Amino acid sequence: MQNTSAKKIALISILVIAALTAIMIAVLPQALKKPTAAVESASPVISADNADNAAVLALRPDCPAVSLPLDCLGGQVQAGQGTDTRPLLVNMWAWWCAPCQEELPVLEEFAAAHPQYQVVGVHADKEAGAGAQILTDLKVGLPSFADPKHKMAGIYQLPNVLPVSLLLDPTRLDAQGNPQLIKLFVQSFSSVEQLSTAVSEAIANA
């Protein structure tokens, strides 16, 4: 009898220990897990679906009727696609790109000083509202297209860096109707003079 009782007590002890171990395995990782709610709330995802971003997008200018397979960032694409034969300078940028933010005002100043060129931006990111907000904050009125699916990168085989600028010839189109690339600038321009020299040399050597 004593042996039987001892065995029962030992078996119960083993079951209790096993149960406690299972509880600790289930609970301890949760207790030690780093909280993420504060971090997530501190960096909300910016989406064009909320009212603030929609309002900012509504303030963006319309885009010229250039031969790009893209929608306008906020505004509308004007009618008359393909009628403007001026060389087209396209600046690829994104709201999170610091060098892009430094370069965008240069692009706008260049456009104002050189009406012989068409100049547009292309926001290469899915967060349209964030892009529009950056332009508003920078007080940049340069028209920009939206490229959330990176169509331009596929068409022109662009490197995976930003900013980059493309000088395109709208008078020469490929089979899909895309303007021919004259020059790809994989750099950031810090002054209108630097950009003007680069574009003029590219046109002269085309």
C-alpha atoms as a PDB file:
ATOM      1  CA  MET A   1       0.000   0.000   0.000  1.00  0.00           C
ATOM      2  CA  GLN A   2       2.770   2.387   0.885  1.00  0.00           C
ATOM      3  CA  ASN A   3       4.491   1.746  -2.420  1.00  0.00           C
ATOM      4  CA  THR A   4       1.225   2.341  -4.305  1.00  0.00           C
ATOM      5  CA  SER A   5       0.591   5.637  -2.451  1.00  0.00           C
ATOM      6  CA  ALA A   6       4.136   6.762  -3.074  1.00  0.00           C
ATOM      7  CA  LYS A   7       3.788   6.030  -6.768  1.00  0.00           C
ATOM      8  CA  LYS A   8       0.506   7.985  -6.916  1.00  0.00           C
ATOM      9  CA  ILE A   9       2.106  10.966  -5.167  1.00  0.00           C
ATOM     10  CA  ALA A  10       5.090  10.846  -7.530  1.00  0.00           C
ATOM     11  CA  LEU A  11       2.801  10.665 -10.584  1.00  0.00           C
ATOM     12  CA  ILE A  12       0.724  13.616  -9.352  1.00  0.00           C
ATOM     13  CA  SER A  13       3.897  15.629  -8.741  1.00  0.00           C
ATOM     14  CA  ILE A  14       5.129  14.917 -12.253  1.00  0.00           C
ATOM     15  CA  LEU A  15       1.784  15.989 -13.757  1.00  0.00           C
ATOM     16  CA  VAL A  16       1.763  19.208 -11.702  1.00  0.00           C
ATOM     17  CA  ILE A  17       5.324  20.048 -12.750  1.00  0.00           C
ATOM     18  CA  ALA A  18       4.485  19.334 -16.392  1.00  0.00           C
ATOM     19  CA  ALA A  19       1.416  21.573 -16.211  1.00  0.00           C
ATOM     20  CA  LEU A  20       3.373  24.430 -14.625  1.00  0.00           C
ATOM     21  CA  THR A  21       6.090  24.067 -17.246  1.00  0.00           C
ATOM     22  CA  ALA A  22       3.526  24.247 -20.074  1.00  0.00           C
ATOM     23  CA  ILE A  23       2.015  27.410 -18.563  1.00  0.00           C
ATOM     24  CA  MET A  24       5.414  29.074 -18.278  1.00  0.00           C
ATOM     25  CA  ILE A  25       6.281  28.188 -21.869  1.00  0.00           C
ATOM     26  CA  ALA A  26       3.032  29.752 -23.072  1.00  0.00           C
ATOM     27  CA  VAL A  27       3.112  32.889 -20.918  1.00  0.00           C
ATOM     28  CA  LEU A  28       6.790  33.815 -20.578  1.00  0.00           C
ATOM     29  CA  PRO A  29       7.432  34.777 -24.244  1.00  0.00           C
ATOM     30  CA  GLN A  30       4.422  37.109 -24.169  1.00  0.00           C
ATOM     31  CA  ALA A  31       5.665  38.714 -20.976  1.00  0.00           C
ATOM     32  CA  LEU A  32       9.101  39.300 -22.459  1.00  0.00           C
ATOM     33  CA  LYS A  33       7.862  40.463 -25.861  1.00  0.00           C
ATOM     34  CA  LYS A  34       8.746  44.100 -26.702  1.00  0.00           C
ATOM     35  CA  PRO A  35       5.679  46.331 -26.925  1.00  0.00           C
ATOM     36  CA  THR A  36       4.999  47.689 -30.427  1.00  0.00           C
ATOM     37  CA  ALA A  37       1.786  49.684 -30.059  1.00  0.00           C
ATOM     38  CA  ALA A  38       3.562  52.889 -29.042  1.00  0.00           C
ATOM     39  CA  VAL A  39       5.994  52.589 -31.926  1.00  0.00           C
ATOM     40  CA  GLU A  40       3.232  51.910 -34.422  1.00  0.00           C
ATOM     41  CA  SER A  41       1.126  54.824 -33.238  1.00  0.00           C
ATOM     42  CA  ALA A  42       4.136  57.133 -33.367  1.00  0.00           C
ATOM     43  CA  SER A  43       4.661  56.385 -37.076  1.00  0.00           C
ATOM     44  CA  PRO A  44       1.230  56.058 -38.703  1.00  0.00           C
ATOM     45  CA  VAL A  45       1.012  54.919 -42.299  1.00  0.00           C
ATOM     46  CA  ILE A  46       0.182  57.893 -44.504  1.00  0.00           C
ATOM     47  CA  SER A  47      -2.590  57.049 -46.924  1.00  0.00           C
ATOM     48  CA  ALA A  48      -4.415  59.045 -49.565  1.00  0.00           C
ATOM     49  CA  ASP A  49      -7.622  57.536 -48.224  1.00  0.00           C
ATOM     50  CA  ASN A  50      -7.827  59.774 -45.167  1.00  0.00           C
ATOM     51  CA  ALA A  51      -9.432  63.189 -45.359  1.00  0.00           C
ATOM     52  CA  ASP A  52      -6.283  65.239 -44.724  1.00  0.00           C
ATOM     53  CA  ASN A  53      -4.329  63.642 -47.543  1.00  0.00           C
ATOM     54  CA  ALA A  54      -7.298  63.878 -49.885  1.00  0.00           C
ATOM     55  CA  ALA A  55      -7.449  67.611 -49.197  1.00  0.00           C
ATOM     56  CA  VAL A  56      -3.738  68.031 -49.898  1.00  0.00           C
ATOM     57  CA  LEU A  57      -3.999  66.037 -53.115  1.00  0.00           C
ATOM     58  CA  ALA A  58      -6.885  68.206 -54.276  1.00  0.00           C
ATOM     59  CA  LEU A  59      -4.597  71.247 -54.151  1.00  0.00           C
ATOM     60  CA  ARG A  60      -2.050  69.798 -56.559  1.00  0.00           C
ATOM     61  CA  PRO A  61      -1.892  71.248 -60.100  1.00  0.00           C
ATOM     62  CA  ASP A  62      -2.918  69.384 -63.228  1.00  0.00           C
ATOM     63  CA  CYS A  63      -0.241  67.580 -65.218  1.00  0.00           C
ATOM     64  CA  PRO A  64       0.717  68.444 -68.796  1.00  0.00           C
ATOM     65  CA  ALA A  65      -0.334  66.176 -71.642  1.00  0.00           C
ATOM     66  CA  VAL A  66       2.934  64.277 -71.948  1.00  0.00           C
ATOM     67  CA  SER A  67       3.212  60.715 -73.245  1.00  0.00           C
ATOM     68  CA  LEU A  68       3.682  58.964 -69.913  1.00  0.00           C
ATOM     69  CA  PRO A  69       1.501  55.986 -68.864  1.00  0.00           C
ATOM     70  CA  LEU A  70       0.789  57.533 -65.481  1.00  0.00           C
ATOM     71  CA  ASP A  71      -1.957  59.337 -63.588  1.00  0.00           C
ATOM     72  CA  CYS A  72      -1.428  62.821 -62.231  1.00  0.00           C
ATOM     73  CA  LEU A  73      -0.529  63.189 -58.553  1.00  0.00           C
ATOM     74  CA  GLY A  74      -3.696  64.847 -57.285  1.00  0.00           C
ATOM     75  CA  GLY A  75      -4.688  66.772 -60.391  1.00  0.00           C
ATOM     76  CA  GLN A  76      -5.798  65.688 -63.859  1.00  0.00           C
ATOM     77  CA  VAL A  77      -3.777  65.020 -67.004  1.00  0.00           C
ATOM     78  CA  GLN A  78      -4.579  67.755 -69.479  1.00  0.00           C
ATOM     79  CA  ALA A  79      -5.986  66.998 -72.907  1.00  0.00           C
ATOM     80  CA  GLY A  80      -3.878  67.036 -76.060  1.00  0.00           C
ATOM     81  CA  GLN A  81      -1.362  64.299 -75.304  1.00  0.00           C
ATOM     82  CA  GLY A  82       1.631  64.316 -77.632  1.00  0.00           C
ATOM     83  CA  THR A  83       1.132  67.833 -78.990  1.00  0.00           C
ATOM     84  CA  ASP A  84       4.029  69.401 -77.039  1.00  0.00           C
ATOM     85  CA  THR A  85       7.306  68.591 -78.787  1.00  0.00           C
ATOM     86  CA  ARG A  86       9.669  70.239 -76.293  1.00  0.00           C
ATOM     87  CA  PRO A  87      12.288  67.976 -74.666  1.00  0.00           C
ATOM     88  CA  LEU A  88      10.845  66.464 -71.495  1.00  0.00           C
ATOM     89  CA  LEU A  89      12.802  66.370 -68.238  1.00  0.00           C
ATOM     90  CA  VAL A  90      11.325  63.856 -65.785  1.00  0.00           C
ATOM     91  CA  ASN A  91      12.514  63.793 -62.185  1.00  0.00           C
ATOM     92  CA  MET A  92      11.909  60.560 -60.248  1.00  0.00           C
ATOM     93  CA  TRP A  93      11.454  61.178 -56.530  1.00  0.00           C
ATOM     94  CA  ALA A  94       9.699  59.924 -53.403  1.00  0.00           C
ATOM     95  CA  TRP A  95       8.398  61.523 -50.222  1.00  0.00           C
ATOM     96  CA  TRP A  96      10.874  59.644 -47.989  1.00  0.00           C
ATOM     97  CA  CYS A  97      13.950  60.599 -50.052  1.00  0.00           C
ATOM     98  CA  ALA A  98      15.926  63.446 -48.425  1.00  0.00           C
ATOM     99  CA  PRO A  99      18.090  64.255 -51.504  1.00  0.00           C
ATOM    100  CA  CYS A 100      14.869  64.410 -53.532  1.00  0.00           C
ATOM    101  CA  GLN A 101      13.466  67.049 -51.205  1.00  0.00           C
ATOM    102  CA  GLU A 102      16.607  69.130 -51.655  1.00  0.00           C
ATOM    103  CA  GLU A 103      16.468  68.783 -55.448  1.00  0.00           C
ATOM    104  CA  LEU A 104      12.765  69.452 -56.089  1.00  0.00           C
ATOM    105  CA  PRO A 105      13.005  73.246 -55.604  1.00  0.00           C
ATOM    106  CA  VAL A 106      15.922  73.255 -58.050  1.00  0.00           C
ATOM    107  CA  LEU A 107      13.764  71.464 -60.622  1.00  0.00           C
ATOM    108  CA  GLU A 108      10.981  74.002 -60.191  1.00  0.00           C
ATOM    109  CA  GLU A 109      13.373  76.936 -60.548  1.00  0.00           C
ATOM    110  CA  PHE A 110      14.910  75.323 -63.631  1.00  0.00           C
ATOM    111  CA  ALA A 111      11.459  74.895 -65.199  1.00  0.00           C
ATOM    112  CA  ALA A 112      10.635  78.557 -64.636  1.00  0.00           C
ATOM    113  CA  ALA A 113      13.960  79.707 -66.117  1.00  0.00           C
ATOM    114  CA  HIS A 114      13.902  77.343 -69.123  1.00  0.00           C
ATOM    115  CA  PRO A 115      10.505  77.349 -70.858  1.00  0.00           C
ATOM    116  CA  GLN A 116      12.071  75.553 -73.834  1.00  0.00           C
ATOM    117  CA  TYR A 117      11.797  72.339 -71.788  1.00  0.00           C
ATOM    118  CA  GLN A 118       8.889  70.510 -70.235  1.00  0.00           C
ATOM    119  CA  VAL A 119       9.670  69.593 -66.631  1.00  0.00           C
ATOM    120  CA  VAL A 120       7.626  67.208 -64.484  1.00  0.00           C
ATOM    121  CA  GLY A 121       8.125  65.070 -61.425  1.00  0.00           C
ATOM    122  CA  VAL A 122       7.172  61.440 -60.942  1.00  0.00           C
ATOM    123  CA  HIS A 123       6.449  60.294 -57.401  1.00  0.00           C
ATOM    124  CA  ALA A 124       7.764  56.721 -57.301  1.00  0.00           C
ATOM    125  CA  ASP A 125       5.852  55.518 -54.248  1.00  0.00           C
ATOM    126  CA  LYS A 126       2.364  54.241 -53.439  1.00  0.00           C
ATOM    127  CA  GLU A 127       1.727  56.866 -50.724  1.00  0.00           C
ATOM    128  CA  ALA A 128       0.314  59.630 -52.901  1.00  0.00           C
ATOM    129  CA  GLY A 129      -0.863  61.700 -49.954  1.00  0.00           C
ATOM    130  CA  ALA A 130       2.601  61.727 -48.421  1.00  0.00           C
ATOM    131  CA  GLY A 131       4.073  62.865 -51.717  1.00  0.00           C
ATOM    132  CA  ALA A 132       1.564  65.679 -52.084  1.00  0.00           C
ATOM    133  CA  GLN A 133       2.218  66.780 -48.502  1.00  0.00           C
ATOM    134  CA  ILE A 134       5.966  66.983 -49.101  1.00  0.00           C
ATOM    135  CA  LEU A 135       5.417  69.171 -52.172  1.00  0.00           C
ATOM    136  CA  THR A 136       3.110  71.399 -50.155  1.00  0.00           C
ATOM    137  CA  ASP A 137       5.615  71.675 -47.313  1.00  0.00           C
ATOM    138  CA  LEU A 138       8.384  72.557 -49.774  1.00  0.00           C
ATOM    139  CA  LYS A 139       6.096  75.041 -51.555  1.00  0.00           C
ATOM    140  CA  VAL A 140       6.869  73.289 -54.838  1.00  0.00           C
ATOM    141  CA  GLY A 141       4.170  73.706 -57.468  1.00  0.00           C
ATOM    142  CA  LEU A 142       5.869  71.558 -60.107  1.00  0.00           C
ATOM    143  CA  PRO A 143       3.346  69.095 -61.595  1.00  0.00           C
ATOM    144  CA  SER A 144       4.030  65.501 -60.627  1.00  0.00           C
ATOM    145  CA  PHE A 145       2.716  62.192 -61.864  1.00  0.00           C
ATOM    146  CA  ALA A 146       2.108  59.192 -59.602  1.00  0.00           C
ATOM    147  CA  ASP A 147       3.973  55.948 -60.223  1.00  0.00           C
ATOM    148  CA  PRO A 148       2.970  53.573 -57.393  1.00  0.00           C
ATOM    149  CA  LYS A 149       3.704  50.459 -59.481  1.00  0.00           C
ATOM    150  CA  HIS A 150       7.100  51.680 -60.736  1.00  0.00           C
ATOM    151  CA  LYS A 151       6.127  51.632 -64.400  1.00  0.00           C
ATOM    152  CA  MET A 152       8.857  54.106 -65.326  1.00  0.00           C
ATOM    153  CA  ALA A 153      11.524  51.857 -63.836  1.00  0.00           C
ATOM    154  CA  GLY A 154      10.311  49.006 -66.013  1.00  0.00           C
ATOM    155  CA  ILE A 155      10.050  51.035 -69.213  1.00  0.00           C
ATOM    156  CA  TYR A 156      13.443  52.739 -68.949  1.00  0.00           C
ATOM    157  CA  GLN A 157      15.333  50.110 -66.893  1.00  0.00           C
ATOM    158  CA  LEU A 158      16.035  52.586 -64.103  1.00  0.00           C
ATOM    159  CA  PRO A 159      18.457  51.808 -61.283  1.00  0.00           C
ATOM    160  CA  ASN A 160      17.032  51.197 -57.832  1.00  0.00           C
ATOM    161  CA  VAL A 161      18.037  54.628 -56.503  1.00  0.00           C
ATOM    162  CA  LEU A 162      16.439  58.051 -56.099  1.00  0.00           C
ATOM    163  CA  PRO A 163      16.557  60.719 -57.259  1.00  0.00           C
ATOM    164  CA  VAL A 164      17.186  60.119 -60.940  1.00  0.00           C
ATOM    165  CA  SER A 165      16.180  62.308 -63.878  1.00  0.00           C
ATOM    166  CA  LEU A 166      15.365  61.345 -67.452  1.00  0.00           C
ATOM    167  CA  LEU A 167      15.657  63.588 -70.479  1.00  0.00           C
ATOM    168  CA  LEU A 168      13.133  62.340 -73.032  1.00  0.00           C
ATOM    169  CA  ASP A 169      12.365  63.152 -76.668  1.00  0.00           C
ATOM    170  CA  PRO A 170       8.559  63.317 -77.119  1.00  0.00           C
ATOM    171  CA  THR A 171       8.922  63.474 -80.890  1.00  0.00           C
ATOM    172  CA  ARG A 172      10.334  59.935 -81.009  1.00  0.00           C
ATOM    173  CA  LEU A 173       8.208  57.205 -79.471  1.00  0.00           C
ATOM    174  CA  ASP A 174       8.776  53.487 -79.067  1.00  0.00           C
ATOM    175  CA  ALA A 175       6.242  50.824 -80.088  1.00  0.00           C
ATOM    176  CA  GLN A 176       4.337  51.338 -76.826  1.00  0.00           C
ATOM    177  CA  GLY A 177       4.153  55.121 -77.301  1.00  0.00           C
ATOM    178  CA  ASN A 178       6.812  56.010 -74.733  1.00  0.00           C
ATOM    179  CA  PRO A 179       9.172  58.924 -75.448  1.00  0.00           C
ATOM    180  CA  GLN A 180      12.718  57.921 -76.360  1.00  0.00           C
ATOM    181  CA  LEU A 181      15.384  58.353 -73.692  1.00  0.00           C
ATOM    182  CA  ILE A 182      18.026  60.950 -74.525  1.00  0.00           C
ATOM    183  CA  LYS A 183      19.954  60.885 -71.247  1.00  0.00           C
ATOM    184  CA  LEU A 184      19.628  59.346 -67.807  1.00  0.00           C
ATOM    185  CA  PHE A 185      21.026  61.385 -64.930  1.00  0.00           C
ATOM    186  CA  VAL A 186      21.774  59.188 -61.914  1.00  0.00           C
ATOM    187  CA  GLN A 187      22.593  62.061 -59.605  1.00  0.00           C
ATOM    188  CA  SER A 188      21.109  64.861 -57.580  1.00  0.00           C
ATOM    189  CA  PHE A 189      21.387  68.426 -58.874  1.00  0.00           C
ATOM    190  CA  SER A 190      22.126  71.115 -56.311  1.00  0.00           C
ATOM    191  CA  SER A 191      21.776  74.198 -58.530  1.00  0.00           C
ATOM    192  CA  VAL A 192      19.947  75.405 -61.607  1.00  0.00           C
ATOM    193  CA  GLU A 193      23.280  76.101 -63.300  1.00  0.00           C
ATOM    194  CA  GLN A 194      24.460  72.524 -62.779  1.00  0.00           C
ATOM    195  CA  LEU A 195      21.208  71.104 -64.128  1.00  0.00           C
ATOM    196  CA  SER A 196      21.118  73.516 -67.078  1.00  0.00           C
ATOM    197  CA  THR A 197      24.638  72.556 -68.116  1.00  0.00           C
ATOM    198  CA  ALA A 198      23.879  68.833 -67.902  1.00  0.00           C
ATOM    199  CA  VAL A 199      20.687  69.126 -69.952  1.00  0.00           C
ATOM    200  CA  SER A 200      22.271  71.382 -72.592  1.00  0.00           C
ATOM    201  CA  GLU A 201      25.188  68.980 -73.058  1.00  0.00           C
ATOM    202  CA  ALA A 202      22.824  66.016 -73.356  1.00  0.00           C
ATOM    203  CA  ILE A 203      20.757  67.798 -76.018  1.00  0.00           C
ATOM    204  CA  ALA A 204      23.886  68.795 -77.951  1.00  0.00           C
ATOM    205  CA  ASN A 205      25.202  65.231 -77.919  1.00  0.00           C
ATOM    206  CA  ALA A 206      21.911  63.555 -78.775  1.00  0.00           C
END
